[in-house]
Every structure is written in structure tokens, then in C-alpha cells.
Amino acid sequence: MTTKDAYQEKIEAQLREWTAKINEQKAKADVAKADVKIEINKRIDGLQVKKEAAQAKFQELKKAGAEKWEQLRTGLDKAMGDLKTAWESAQPQREHYQEQFEAQIKEWGTKLNELTAKAQKASADVKAKMLKEIEEMRERKDELQKKLTELKSAGAEKWESLKASTEKGKEDLKKRWESFKTKYL
């Protein structure tokens, strides 16, 4: 495989990935409330323009001979960079917060599973206390998971109050976690 072939495969894969990301945004827009839908559609339009520009440069590069290939490659690299920059700037604070929150919930789930395994090895009286506290933390985590689902579909006016409530829930779970660590770990 030549360098040109490898580069073209890489760009094709990246363009497929960008198409998937844009389609994901379209799916979010389809289920979003009206004010959120407008915001998402504006972002999609901007991303679509950048993706189409990159695809056009890619088609040009595929047809080019060796003498123009390097020059066109530089232009395509710039177009792909522009697409990435557009994506990053299109990710609003709201979405970024939700992604971080979702990652935190997954991390807590993993930690709670690890704690359950440790509790199983403890003496009977300590085991019962540990499992009770773990279950309470798991219930709080599940409540936060429900709030995340609400956040994802909330309109702008409800989103801020849900976020504030979510932050309180996160702090409560963190305090429980620290208390648990102090007692048992």
C-alpha cells in the first residue's frame, strides 16, 4: 500500500466518522424540544458545510496526479482541521456538561461494583454495614442517572434548574463516598 493509498483510507474513515457524528446530532434534534432543536440544527448546518468542503477536497485529491497530490493534501488537511474546529466550537457547554456527567455516573457504577466485591470479603457485621451504605450510594447514583436523562431532553429554561439540582445530588454522593472511604477503606 502506498502512502497515498494509506492517506486516502485514513481520510475516508475520518469522513465516515464525521458523517456519523452529524447524524447523531440530527437524531438529537429530532427528539429535542423546539428551542434546543433550533440550536442543534444551526450547529448541524455549519458542520455539514465544513464536511462537504472536506469531501470536495478529498475527491479532488483522489483524482490528482502525483505532481499536485502534496499541494492538495495540505488543503485537505486544513479542511479536516476546520471541520474538527467547527465540531469543537459547536459543542455547547450544555452538551459538554452532560457528557462529563455521564462519564462520572459510569465511573461511580464501576466503583460501587468494586466496593460490593470488597464488602463480600469483610466480616459479617462489617459486610452488612458496607452493603447498606453501598446500596444507598447506588440509589443516589440511579437518581442522578434519571436526572441526566431529564437534562438531555430539557428545554433551556428547565435545564438550569435541573443542573443545580443535579449538582446537589453529585455533592451528596461525593460526601457519602468520602465517608465510606474513611470508615472502610
N, C-alpha and C. Protein backbone atom coordinates (compact mmCIF):
# COMPACT_ATOMS: atom_id res chain seq x y z
N MET A 1 0.85 -1.17 0.00
CA MET A 1 0.00 0.00 0.00
C MET A 1 0.89 1.24 0.00
N THR A 2 0.58 2.15 -0.87
CA THR A 2 1.37 3.38 -0.97
C THR A 2 0.94 4.37 0.11
N THR A 3 1.77 5.37 0.31
CA THR A 3 1.45 6.43 1.27
C THR A 3 0.15 7.11 0.88
N LYS A 4 -0.01 7.32 -0.42
CA LYS A 4 -1.23 7.97 -0.93
C LYS A 4 -2.45 7.11 -0.60
N ASP A 5 -2.36 5.80 -0.83
CA ASP A 5 -3.49 4.91 -0.54
C ASP A 5 -3.82 4.90 0.96
N ALA A 6 -2.79 4.83 1.78
CA ALA A 6 -2.99 4.83 3.23
C ALA A 6 -3.64 6.13 3.69
N TYR A 7 -3.18 7.23 3.15
CA TYR A 7 -3.74 8.54 3.50
C TYR A 7 -5.21 8.61 3.08
N GLN A 8 -5.51 8.14 1.89
CA GLN A 8 -6.89 8.18 1.41
C GLN A 8 -7.80 7.31 2.28
N GLU A 9 -7.33 6.15 2.70
CA GLU A 9 -8.12 5.30 3.59
C GLU A 9 -8.38 6.00 4.92
N LYS A 10 -7.35 6.66 5.43
CA LYS A 10 -7.49 7.38 6.70
C LYS A 10 -8.54 8.49 6.57
N ILE A 11 -8.48 9.25 5.49
CA ILE A 11 -9.44 10.34 5.29
C ILE A 11 -10.85 9.79 5.10
N GLU A 12 -10.99 8.71 4.35
CA GLU A 12 -12.31 8.10 4.17
C GLU A 12 -12.90 7.69 5.51
N ALA A 13 -12.08 7.09 6.36
CA ALA A 13 -12.55 6.68 7.69
C ALA A 13 -12.95 7.89 8.52
N GLN A 14 -12.15 8.95 8.47
CA GLN A 14 -12.49 10.17 9.22
C GLN A 14 -13.78 10.80 8.71
N LEU A 15 -13.97 10.81 7.41
CA LEU A 15 -15.20 11.38 6.85
C LEU A 15 -16.42 10.55 7.26
N ARG A 16 -16.27 9.22 7.29
CA ARG A 16 -17.37 8.37 7.77
C ARG A 16 -17.69 8.68 9.23
N GLU A 17 -16.63 8.90 10.02
CA GLU A 17 -16.82 9.23 11.44
C GLU A 17 -17.55 10.57 11.60
N TRP A 18 -17.15 11.56 10.79
CA TRP A 18 -17.83 12.86 10.85
C TRP A 18 -19.28 12.74 10.42
N THR A 19 -19.54 11.93 9.41
CA THR A 19 -20.93 11.72 8.97
C THR A 19 -21.74 11.11 10.11
N ALA A 20 -21.17 10.14 10.80
CA ALA A 20 -21.86 9.51 11.93
C ALA A 20 -22.14 10.52 13.05
N LYS A 21 -21.16 11.38 13.34
CA LYS A 21 -21.35 12.39 14.39
C LYS A 21 -22.45 13.37 14.01
N ILE A 22 -22.47 13.77 12.76
CA ILE A 22 -23.50 14.71 12.31
C ILE A 22 -24.87 14.04 12.35
N ASN A 23 -24.93 12.78 11.94
CA ASN A 23 -26.20 12.04 12.00
C ASN A 23 -26.68 11.88 13.44
N GLU A 24 -25.74 11.71 14.36
CA GLU A 24 -26.09 11.62 15.78
C GLU A 24 -26.73 12.94 16.25
N GLN A 25 -26.15 14.05 15.79
CA GLN A 25 -26.71 15.36 16.13
C GLN A 25 -28.12 15.52 15.54
N LYS A 26 -28.31 15.02 14.32
CA LYS A 26 -29.64 15.09 13.69
C LYS A 26 -30.65 14.29 14.51
N ALA A 27 -30.24 13.12 15.01
CA ALA A 27 -31.13 12.30 15.83
C ALA A 27 -31.49 13.03 17.12
N LYS A 28 -30.51 13.72 17.72
CA LYS A 28 -30.78 14.51 18.92
C LYS A 28 -31.77 15.62 18.62
N ALA A 29 -31.61 16.25 17.48
CA ALA A 29 -32.51 17.34 17.10
C ALA A 29 -33.93 16.82 16.92
N ASP A 30 -34.07 15.63 16.39
CA ASP A 30 -35.40 15.07 16.14
C ASP A 30 -36.21 14.89 17.42
N VAL A 31 -35.53 14.61 18.54
CA VAL A 31 -36.25 14.37 19.79
C VAL A 31 -36.19 15.54 20.76
N ALA A 32 -35.50 16.59 20.39
CA ALA A 32 -35.32 17.74 21.29
C ALA A 32 -36.54 18.66 21.29
N LYS A 33 -36.61 19.45 22.33
CA LYS A 33 -37.65 20.48 22.41
C LYS A 33 -37.33 21.56 21.38
N ALA A 34 -38.32 22.39 21.06
CA ALA A 34 -38.21 23.35 19.96
C ALA A 34 -37.00 24.26 20.06
N ASP A 35 -36.75 24.86 21.24
CA ASP A 35 -35.64 25.80 21.34
C ASP A 35 -34.29 25.10 21.20
N VAL A 36 -34.20 23.89 21.70
CA VAL A 36 -32.96 23.11 21.59
C VAL A 36 -32.80 22.63 20.15
N LYS A 37 -33.90 22.25 19.52
CA LYS A 37 -33.86 21.77 18.14
C LYS A 37 -33.29 22.84 17.20
N ILE A 38 -33.69 24.07 17.39
CA ILE A 38 -33.19 25.17 16.55
C ILE A 38 -31.68 25.31 16.73
N GLU A 39 -31.23 25.26 17.97
CA GLU A 39 -29.80 25.38 18.27
C GLU A 39 -29.01 24.24 17.62
N ILE A 40 -29.49 23.03 17.76
CA ILE A 40 -28.79 21.86 17.20
C ILE A 40 -28.77 21.94 15.67
N ASN A 41 -29.87 22.33 15.07
CA ASN A 41 -29.91 22.41 13.60
C ASN A 41 -28.95 23.45 13.05
N LYS A 42 -28.75 24.54 13.78
CA LYS A 42 -27.78 25.55 13.36
C LYS A 42 -26.37 24.96 13.36
N ARG A 43 -26.07 24.20 14.42
CA ARG A 43 -24.75 23.56 14.51
C ARG A 43 -24.57 22.54 13.38
N ILE A 44 -25.61 21.78 13.12
CA ILE A 44 -25.55 20.77 12.06
C ILE A 44 -25.27 21.42 10.71
N ASP A 45 -25.96 22.52 10.44
CA ASP A 45 -25.75 23.21 9.15
C ASP A 45 -24.29 23.64 8.98
N GLY A 46 -23.71 24.21 10.02
CA GLY A 46 -22.32 24.64 9.96
C GLY A 46 -21.37 23.47 9.77
N LEU A 47 -21.64 22.39 10.48
CA LEU A 47 -20.79 21.20 10.34
C LEU A 47 -20.92 20.58 8.96
N GLN A 48 -22.13 20.57 8.45
CA GLN A 48 -22.38 19.98 7.13
C GLN A 48 -21.59 20.73 6.05
N VAL A 49 -21.56 22.05 6.14
CA VAL A 49 -20.81 22.86 5.17
C VAL A 49 -19.32 22.49 5.23
N LYS A 50 -18.77 22.39 6.43
CA LYS A 50 -17.35 22.04 6.59
C LYS A 50 -17.07 20.63 6.08
N LYS A 51 -17.98 19.70 6.37
CA LYS A 51 -17.78 18.32 5.92
C LYS A 51 -17.82 18.24 4.40
N GLU A 52 -18.76 18.95 3.79
CA GLU A 52 -18.86 18.94 2.32
C GLU A 52 -17.63 19.56 1.68
N ALA A 53 -17.07 20.59 2.31
CA ALA A 53 -15.83 21.20 1.79
C ALA A 53 -14.69 20.19 1.86
N ALA A 54 -14.61 19.46 2.96
CA ALA A 54 -13.56 18.45 3.10
C ALA A 54 -13.75 17.33 2.08
N GLN A 55 -15.00 16.92 1.88
CA GLN A 55 -15.27 15.86 0.90
C GLN A 55 -14.89 16.31 -0.51
N ALA A 56 -15.18 17.55 -0.84
CA ALA A 56 -14.84 18.06 -2.17
C ALA A 56 -13.32 18.06 -2.36
N LYS A 57 -12.58 18.49 -1.35
CA LYS A 57 -11.11 18.48 -1.43
C LYS A 57 -10.60 17.04 -1.56
N PHE A 58 -11.25 16.13 -0.86
CA PHE A 58 -10.85 14.73 -0.92
C PHE A 58 -11.06 14.16 -2.33
N GLN A 59 -12.20 14.48 -2.93
CA GLN A 59 -12.46 14.00 -4.29
C GLN A 59 -11.44 14.57 -5.28
N GLU A 60 -11.08 15.82 -5.06
CA GLU A 60 -10.08 16.47 -5.90
C GLU A 60 -8.73 15.76 -5.73
N LEU A 61 -8.39 15.44 -4.50
CA LEU A 61 -7.12 14.77 -4.22
C LEU A 61 -7.08 13.38 -4.86
N LYS A 62 -8.19 12.66 -4.81
CA LYS A 62 -8.24 11.31 -5.38
C LYS A 62 -7.98 11.32 -6.89
N LYS A 63 -8.41 12.37 -7.55
CA LYS A 63 -8.25 12.47 -9.00
C LYS A 63 -6.90 13.04 -9.41
N ALA A 64 -6.19 13.64 -8.47
CA ALA A 64 -4.95 14.35 -8.79
C ALA A 64 -3.81 13.39 -9.09
N GLY A 65 -2.92 13.86 -9.92
CA GLY A 65 -1.69 13.14 -10.20
C GLY A 65 -0.67 13.42 -9.11
N ALA A 66 0.43 12.73 -9.19
CA ALA A 66 1.48 12.83 -8.17
C ALA A 66 2.00 14.25 -8.00
N GLU A 67 2.07 15.02 -9.10
CA GLU A 67 2.64 16.37 -9.02
C GLU A 67 1.78 17.32 -8.19
N LYS A 68 0.46 17.13 -8.16
CA LYS A 68 -0.43 18.03 -7.41
C LYS A 68 -0.83 17.44 -6.06
N TRP A 69 -0.51 16.19 -5.86
CA TRP A 69 -1.01 15.47 -4.68
C TRP A 69 -0.61 16.14 -3.37
N GLU A 70 0.65 16.47 -3.17
CA GLU A 70 1.10 17.09 -1.92
C GLU A 70 0.42 18.42 -1.66
N GLN A 71 0.27 19.21 -2.71
CA GLN A 71 -0.38 20.52 -2.57
C GLN A 71 -1.84 20.32 -2.14
N LEU A 72 -2.53 19.40 -2.78
CA LEU A 72 -3.92 19.14 -2.44
C LEU A 72 -4.06 18.51 -1.05
N ARG A 73 -3.08 17.70 -0.69
CA ARG A 73 -3.11 17.08 0.63
C ARG A 73 -3.08 18.15 1.72
N THR A 74 -2.27 19.16 1.54
CA THR A 74 -2.18 20.25 2.51
C THR A 74 -3.55 20.94 2.63
N GLY A 75 -4.19 21.18 1.51
CA GLY A 75 -5.52 21.80 1.53
C GLY A 75 -6.55 20.91 2.21
N LEU A 76 -6.47 19.60 1.97
CA LEU A 76 -7.40 18.67 2.60
C LEU A 76 -7.14 18.60 4.11
N ASP A 77 -5.88 18.56 4.51
CA ASP A 77 -5.57 18.56 5.94
C ASP A 77 -6.16 19.79 6.63
N LYS A 78 -6.07 20.94 5.96
CA LYS A 78 -6.64 22.17 6.52
C LYS A 78 -8.16 22.05 6.62
N ALA A 79 -8.80 21.51 5.60
CA ALA A 79 -10.26 21.34 5.61
C ALA A 79 -10.70 20.39 6.72
N MET A 80 -9.93 19.32 6.93
CA MET A 80 -10.26 18.38 8.01
C MET A 80 -10.06 19.05 9.37
N GLY A 81 -9.02 19.87 9.48
CA GLY A 81 -8.80 20.63 10.72
C GLY A 81 -9.92 21.62 10.98
N ASP A 82 -10.38 22.27 9.91
CA ASP A 82 -11.50 23.22 10.04
C ASP A 82 -12.76 22.50 10.52
N LEU A 83 -12.97 21.29 10.01
CA LEU A 83 -14.14 20.51 10.42
C LEU A 83 -14.04 20.16 11.91
N LYS A 84 -12.87 19.74 12.34
CA LYS A 84 -12.68 19.41 13.75
C LYS A 84 -12.90 20.64 14.63
N THR A 85 -12.36 21.76 14.22
CA THR A 85 -12.52 23.00 14.98
C THR A 85 -14.00 23.40 15.06
N ALA A 86 -14.70 23.26 13.93
CA ALA A 86 -16.14 23.58 13.91
C ALA A 86 -16.90 22.67 14.88
N TRP A 87 -16.52 21.40 14.91
CA TRP A 87 -17.19 20.45 15.81
C TRP A 87 -16.95 20.87 17.26
N GLU A 88 -15.71 21.16 17.59
CA GLU A 88 -15.38 21.51 18.97
C GLU A 88 -16.07 22.80 19.40
N SER A 89 -16.15 23.77 18.52
CA SER A 89 -16.81 25.02 18.90
C SER A 89 -18.33 24.87 18.89
N ALA A 90 -18.84 23.88 18.18
CA ALA A 90 -20.28 23.65 18.13
C ALA A 90 -20.79 22.89 19.35
N GLN A 91 -19.88 22.25 20.07
CA GLN A 91 -20.29 21.53 21.26
C GLN A 91 -20.58 22.55 22.36
N PRO A 92 -21.81 22.82 22.64
CA PRO A 92 -22.11 23.83 23.66
C PRO A 92 -21.77 23.33 25.07
N GLN A 93 -21.71 24.26 25.97
CA GLN A 93 -21.41 23.94 27.37
C GLN A 93 -22.38 22.90 27.90
N ARG A 94 -23.60 22.99 27.51
CA ARG A 94 -24.64 22.07 27.98
C ARG A 94 -24.29 20.63 27.63
N GLU A 95 -23.93 20.40 26.39
CA GLU A 95 -23.60 19.06 25.94
C GLU A 95 -22.33 18.56 26.62
N HIS A 96 -21.36 19.44 26.75
CA HIS A 96 -20.10 19.08 27.40
C HIS A 96 -20.38 18.67 28.85
N TYR A 97 -21.21 19.42 29.55
CA TYR A 97 -21.56 19.09 30.93
C TYR A 97 -22.22 17.72 30.99
N GLN A 98 -23.16 17.47 30.10
CA GLN A 98 -23.87 16.19 30.10
C GLN A 98 -22.91 15.02 29.83
N GLU A 99 -21.97 15.21 28.92
CA GLU A 99 -21.01 14.15 28.63
C GLU A 99 -20.13 13.86 29.84
N GLN A 100 -19.68 14.92 30.51
CA GLN A 100 -18.86 14.73 31.71
C GLN A 100 -19.66 14.06 32.82
N PHE A 101 -20.90 14.46 32.97
CA PHE A 101 -21.77 13.91 33.99
C PHE A 101 -22.02 12.42 33.72
N GLU A 102 -22.25 12.09 32.47
CA GLU A 102 -22.48 10.69 32.10
C GLU A 102 -21.24 9.84 32.41
N ALA A 103 -20.07 10.36 32.12
CA ALA A 103 -18.82 9.64 32.43
C ALA A 103 -18.67 9.45 33.93
N GLN A 104 -19.05 10.48 34.71
CA GLN A 104 -18.96 10.39 36.17
C GLN A 104 -19.90 9.30 36.69
N ILE A 105 -21.10 9.22 36.16
CA ILE A 105 -22.05 8.21 36.60
C ILE A 105 -21.51 6.81 36.30
N LYS A 106 -20.93 6.63 35.12
CA LYS A 106 -20.34 5.32 34.79
C LYS A 106 -19.21 4.98 35.75
N GLU A 107 -18.38 5.97 36.06
CA GLU A 107 -17.28 5.74 36.99
C GLU A 107 -17.81 5.33 38.37
N TRP A 108 -18.85 6.01 38.84
CA TRP A 108 -19.44 5.64 40.13
C TRP A 108 -19.98 4.22 40.09
N GLY A 109 -20.62 3.85 39.00
CA GLY A 109 -21.13 2.48 38.87
C GLY A 109 -20.02 1.46 39.01
N THR A 110 -18.91 1.72 38.36
CA THR A 110 -17.75 0.82 38.43
C THR A 110 -17.22 0.75 39.86
N LYS A 111 -17.08 1.91 40.50
CA LYS A 111 -16.58 1.95 41.88
C LYS A 111 -17.51 1.21 42.83
N LEU A 112 -18.81 1.39 42.64
CA LEU A 112 -19.76 0.71 43.53
C LEU A 112 -19.68 -0.80 43.35
N ASN A 113 -19.48 -1.25 42.13
CA ASN A 113 -19.31 -2.69 41.90
C ASN A 113 -18.05 -3.21 42.58
N GLU A 114 -16.98 -2.44 42.51
CA GLU A 114 -15.72 -2.82 43.18
C GLU A 114 -15.91 -2.86 44.69
N LEU A 115 -16.63 -1.88 45.23
CA LEU A 115 -16.88 -1.85 46.67
C LEU A 115 -17.73 -3.04 47.12
N THR A 116 -18.69 -3.40 46.30
CA THR A 116 -19.52 -4.56 46.62
C THR A 116 -18.67 -5.82 46.71
N ALA A 117 -17.73 -5.96 45.78
CA ALA A 117 -16.84 -7.12 45.81
C ALA A 117 -15.98 -7.10 47.08
N LYS A 118 -15.49 -5.92 47.49
CA LYS A 118 -14.69 -5.82 48.71
C LYS A 118 -15.53 -6.13 49.94
N ALA A 119 -16.77 -5.66 49.93
CA ALA A 119 -17.66 -5.88 51.07
C ALA A 119 -17.92 -7.38 51.27
N GLN A 120 -17.99 -8.11 50.18
CA GLN A 120 -18.25 -9.55 50.28
C GLN A 120 -17.15 -10.27 51.05
N LYS A 121 -15.97 -9.68 51.09
CA LYS A 121 -14.83 -10.31 51.76
C LYS A 121 -14.71 -9.89 53.23
N ALA A 122 -15.53 -8.94 53.67
CA ALA A 122 -15.45 -8.42 55.03
C ALA A 122 -16.16 -9.36 56.00
N SER A 123 -15.92 -9.14 57.29
CA SER A 123 -16.61 -9.93 58.31
C SER A 123 -18.11 -9.64 58.25
N ALA A 124 -18.91 -10.50 58.80
CA ALA A 124 -20.37 -10.43 58.65
C ALA A 124 -20.96 -9.09 59.09
N ASP A 125 -20.56 -8.59 60.26
CA ASP A 125 -21.15 -7.33 60.74
C ASP A 125 -20.69 -6.14 59.89
N VAL A 126 -19.41 -6.11 59.52
CA VAL A 126 -18.90 -5.02 58.68
C VAL A 126 -19.50 -5.13 57.27
N LYS A 127 -19.62 -6.35 56.78
CA LYS A 127 -20.19 -6.59 55.45
C LYS A 127 -21.60 -6.01 55.35
N ALA A 128 -22.42 -6.26 56.36
CA ALA A 128 -23.80 -5.77 56.34
C ALA A 128 -23.83 -4.24 56.32
N LYS A 129 -22.99 -3.60 57.12
CA LYS A 129 -22.94 -2.13 57.14
C LYS A 129 -22.46 -1.58 55.80
N MET A 130 -21.41 -2.21 55.26
CA MET A 130 -20.87 -1.75 53.98
C MET A 130 -21.92 -1.88 52.87
N LEU A 131 -22.57 -3.04 52.81
CA LEU A 131 -23.56 -3.26 51.75
C LEU A 131 -24.74 -2.30 51.85
N LYS A 132 -25.12 -1.95 53.09
CA LYS A 132 -26.21 -0.99 53.27
C LYS A 132 -25.81 0.37 52.71
N GLU A 133 -24.60 0.83 53.04
CA GLU A 133 -24.14 2.13 52.55
C GLU A 133 -23.93 2.11 51.04
N ILE A 134 -23.44 1.00 50.53
CA ILE A 134 -23.24 0.87 49.08
C ILE A 134 -24.59 0.95 48.37
N GLU A 135 -25.58 0.31 48.92
CA GLU A 135 -26.91 0.35 48.31
C GLU A 135 -27.48 1.76 48.32
N GLU A 136 -27.27 2.49 49.41
CA GLU A 136 -27.72 3.89 49.47
C GLU A 136 -27.02 4.72 48.40
N MET A 137 -25.71 4.51 48.23
CA MET A 137 -24.98 5.25 47.20
C MET A 137 -25.46 4.85 45.80
N ARG A 138 -25.75 3.57 45.62
CA ARG A 138 -26.25 3.11 44.32
C ARG A 138 -27.60 3.76 44.00
N GLU A 139 -28.46 3.90 45.02
CA GLU A 139 -29.74 4.57 44.82
C GLU A 139 -29.54 6.03 44.41
N ARG A 140 -28.59 6.71 45.05
CA ARG A 140 -28.30 8.10 44.69
C ARG A 140 -27.76 8.18 43.25
N LYS A 141 -26.90 7.23 42.90
CA LYS A 141 -26.36 7.19 41.53
C LYS A 141 -27.50 6.99 40.53
N ASP A 142 -28.43 6.09 40.85
CA ASP A 142 -29.57 5.84 39.95
C ASP A 142 -30.46 7.08 39.82
N GLU A 143 -30.62 7.81 40.92
CA GLU A 143 -31.38 9.06 40.86
C GLU A 143 -30.69 10.06 39.94
N LEU A 144 -29.37 10.13 40.04
CA LEU A 144 -28.61 11.03 39.17
C LEU A 144 -28.70 10.60 37.71
N GLN A 145 -28.75 9.30 37.47
CA GLN A 145 -28.92 8.80 36.09
C GLN A 145 -30.25 9.29 35.52
N LYS A 146 -31.29 9.27 36.34
CA LYS A 146 -32.61 9.76 35.90
C LYS A 146 -32.54 11.26 35.60
N LYS A 147 -31.82 11.99 36.45
CA LYS A 147 -31.70 13.44 36.22
C LYS A 147 -30.94 13.71 34.92
N LEU A 148 -29.95 12.88 34.63
CA LEU A 148 -29.21 13.04 33.38
C LEU A 148 -30.16 12.86 32.19
N THR A 149 -31.02 11.89 32.26
CA THR A 149 -31.99 11.67 31.19
C THR A 149 -32.90 12.89 31.04
N GLU A 150 -33.33 13.46 32.16
CA GLU A 150 -34.14 14.67 32.12
C GLU A 150 -33.36 15.84 31.52
N LEU A 151 -32.09 15.98 31.92
CA LEU A 151 -31.25 17.06 31.40
C LEU A 151 -31.14 17.00 29.89
N LYS A 152 -31.00 15.80 29.36
CA LYS A 152 -30.80 15.64 27.92
C LYS A 152 -32.00 16.11 27.12
N SER A 153 -33.18 16.03 27.69
CA SER A 153 -34.36 16.42 26.92
C SER A 153 -34.99 17.73 27.40
N ALA A 154 -34.39 18.36 28.40
CA ALA A 154 -34.98 19.58 28.97
C ALA A 154 -34.78 20.78 28.05
N GLY A 155 -35.75 21.65 28.05
CA GLY A 155 -35.62 22.93 27.36
C GLY A 155 -34.68 23.83 28.15
N ALA A 156 -34.30 24.93 27.55
CA ALA A 156 -33.31 25.83 28.14
C ALA A 156 -33.74 26.33 29.52
N GLU A 157 -35.03 26.68 29.68
CA GLU A 157 -35.48 27.25 30.94
C GLU A 157 -35.45 26.22 32.08
N LYS A 158 -35.75 24.97 31.80
CA LYS A 158 -35.77 23.93 32.83
C LYS A 158 -34.37 23.37 33.07
N TRP A 159 -33.50 23.46 32.07
CA TRP A 159 -32.19 22.85 32.15
C TRP A 159 -31.36 23.40 33.30
N GLU A 160 -31.36 24.72 33.48
CA GLU A 160 -30.54 25.33 34.54
C GLU A 160 -30.99 24.87 35.93
N SER A 161 -32.29 24.78 36.17
CA SER A 161 -32.74 24.34 37.49
C SER A 161 -32.42 22.86 37.70
N LEU A 162 -32.54 22.06 36.65
CA LEU A 162 -32.17 20.65 36.75
C LEU A 162 -30.68 20.49 37.02
N LYS A 163 -29.88 21.32 36.38
CA LYS A 163 -28.44 21.26 36.59
C LYS A 163 -28.10 21.57 38.04
N ALA A 164 -28.74 22.58 38.61
CA ALA A 164 -28.49 22.93 40.00
C ALA A 164 -28.87 21.78 40.93
N SER A 165 -29.99 21.16 40.67
CA SER A 165 -30.43 20.02 41.45
C SER A 165 -29.46 18.85 41.30
N THR A 166 -28.97 18.66 40.10
CA THR A 166 -28.02 17.59 39.81
C THR A 166 -26.72 17.82 40.58
N GLU A 167 -26.26 19.06 40.61
CA GLU A 167 -25.03 19.38 41.32
C GLU A 167 -25.16 19.04 42.81
N LYS A 168 -26.33 19.32 43.39
CA LYS A 168 -26.56 18.98 44.80
C LYS A 168 -26.48 17.46 44.98
N GLY A 169 -27.09 16.72 44.06
CA GLY A 169 -27.06 15.26 44.13
C GLY A 169 -25.65 14.72 43.99
N LYS A 170 -24.86 15.32 43.10
CA LYS A 170 -23.47 14.90 42.92
C LYS A 170 -22.67 15.13 44.20
N GLU A 171 -22.87 16.28 44.81
CA GLU A 171 -22.15 16.60 46.05
C GLU A 171 -22.53 15.63 47.16
N ASP A 172 -23.82 15.29 47.26
CA ASP A 172 -24.27 14.35 48.27
C ASP A 172 -23.59 12.99 48.06
N LEU A 173 -23.53 12.52 46.85
CA LEU A 173 -22.91 11.23 46.56
C LEU A 173 -21.41 11.29 46.85
N LYS A 174 -20.77 12.38 46.51
CA LYS A 174 -19.33 12.52 46.80
C LYS A 174 -19.08 12.47 48.31
N LYS A 175 -19.93 13.15 49.10
CA LYS A 175 -19.77 13.13 50.56
C LYS A 175 -19.96 11.72 51.10
N ARG A 176 -20.94 11.01 50.59
CA ARG A 176 -21.17 9.62 51.02
C ARG A 176 -19.96 8.76 50.68
N TRP A 177 -19.42 8.97 49.49
CA TRP A 177 -18.25 8.22 49.06
C TRP A 177 -17.06 8.47 49.99
N GLU A 178 -16.81 9.75 50.30
CA GLU A 178 -15.70 10.09 51.19
C GLU A 178 -15.90 9.50 52.58
N SER A 179 -17.12 9.56 53.07
CA SER A 179 -17.44 8.99 54.38
C SER A 179 -17.19 7.47 54.38
N PHE A 180 -17.62 6.83 53.31
CA PHE A 180 -17.43 5.38 53.17
C PHE A 180 -15.94 5.03 53.17
N LYS A 181 -15.17 5.79 52.39
CA LYS A 181 -13.73 5.54 52.32
C LYS A 181 -13.08 5.69 53.70
N THR A 182 -13.49 6.71 54.44
CA THR A 182 -12.93 6.96 55.76
C THR A 182 -13.24 5.79 56.71
N LYS A 183 -14.43 5.26 56.62
CA LYS A 183 -14.84 4.19 57.53
C LYS A 183 -14.25 2.82 57.17
N TYR A 184 -14.22 2.51 55.87
CA TYR A 184 -13.97 1.13 55.49
C TYR A 184 -12.71 0.89 54.66
N LEU A 185 -12.16 1.92 54.04
CA LEU A 185 -11.03 1.66 53.13
C LEU A 185 -9.72 2.22 53.66
